[in-house]
Amino acid sequence: MFSIVFAGLIFTLMILISSEGVDHVFGDSVISTISVEKFPQAIVFNPANNNIYVANRDSGTVSIIESTNNTVIKNIEVGMSPQAIVFNPANNNIYVVNKISNSISIIDSNTNTVITEVDVGRDPVALEFNPANNNIYVANSGSGTVSVIGGSNQTLLGNTVVGTEPVALEFNPANNNIYVANRDSGTVSIIESTNNTVINNLEMGLLPQAIVFNPSNENTYVANYGSGTVSVIGGSNQTLLGNTVVGTEPVALEFNPANNNIYVANVVSNSVSIIDSISNDISETVNINNVPLALTYNPSNNGTYVTGTLTGTEGLVTLIH
């Protein structure tokens, strides 16, 4: 995608009280920046303890941010090249996908320790929790499959064949299906979660990279990295409703329930586009001084956290509000 060289481990917290040096439109601005470890690739909020968990790809670690004062309280060693992270509310565990290790690390968030690892397919890069069956779904980009891990017994239940290079997953609570963004196929596969079979494949833009569900309109949004667009899939008819032009090379999406908008991390534009879910047009653009890689929303402070890097030598988390 792009090349960044990292050196050293960063443990220093930097709080930026104002938005000096940051251009923004309308109400959202940067209020805090937190140093983590190398190449923070993915991020998730844990409502069980109000902490933020950050998967640091090049460190093989997960940083835990205490969200009351936005400080790193622990770094946990996981597998090689952690790429994605998800919270399981059925057991309060954190699941981390390790691409090079071809495994999933499971963290008990009560003790913040790794309790087990589960082997999956080749080059796993994405995760999703399905509350309809309490299972975890894993996109194996090298295998063209989605692995299913049982939420109760933490074991591999099986694999579903999808498109070429699946890289992102999303659960749709309106129909209990799993949506899979297949990067090289330029498609989204829809998995029926009762029997874990593919029931539909939809054509997207170039290189679909990320996917998120919007409960306010029951639509699913897909970031097309190669097109600089976000595709909108209708929740009722599961067809393409249209495409919204965002920044250059969008790589991550997040829904904000405080305003029902979709946040888009544009890695080359160094910006976050905000899509109004009523019109599906851009309502705001927040320009930040780092390379945005991933997003998560924190309902305890109504902030959106953006992982990235400032100079290529440090991992940062930017908080916009």
Foldseek 3Di string as FASTA:
>chain_A
DDDFAADDFDQDFDFAQDQPPWDWDPDKGFGGKGFGGAQFFEWEAQPVQRWIWTQHFQVQWIWIANPVVGHTDDIAHHEHGFAYWDAQPVQRWIWTQHQVVQWIFIANPVVRYTDDIEHHDHRWHEWDAQPVQRWIWIFHQVVQWIWIAHNVPRYTPDIEHHDHRWHEWEAQPVQSWIWTCHFCVQWIWIARPVVGYTDDIAHHDHGFAYKYAQPVQSWIWTQHQCPQWIWIAHRPPRYTPDIEHHAHRWHEWEAQPVQSWIWTQHQVQQKIFIARPVVRYTPIIIHDQFGFNYWYARPVVSWIWTWGDRRSHTIMITIMD
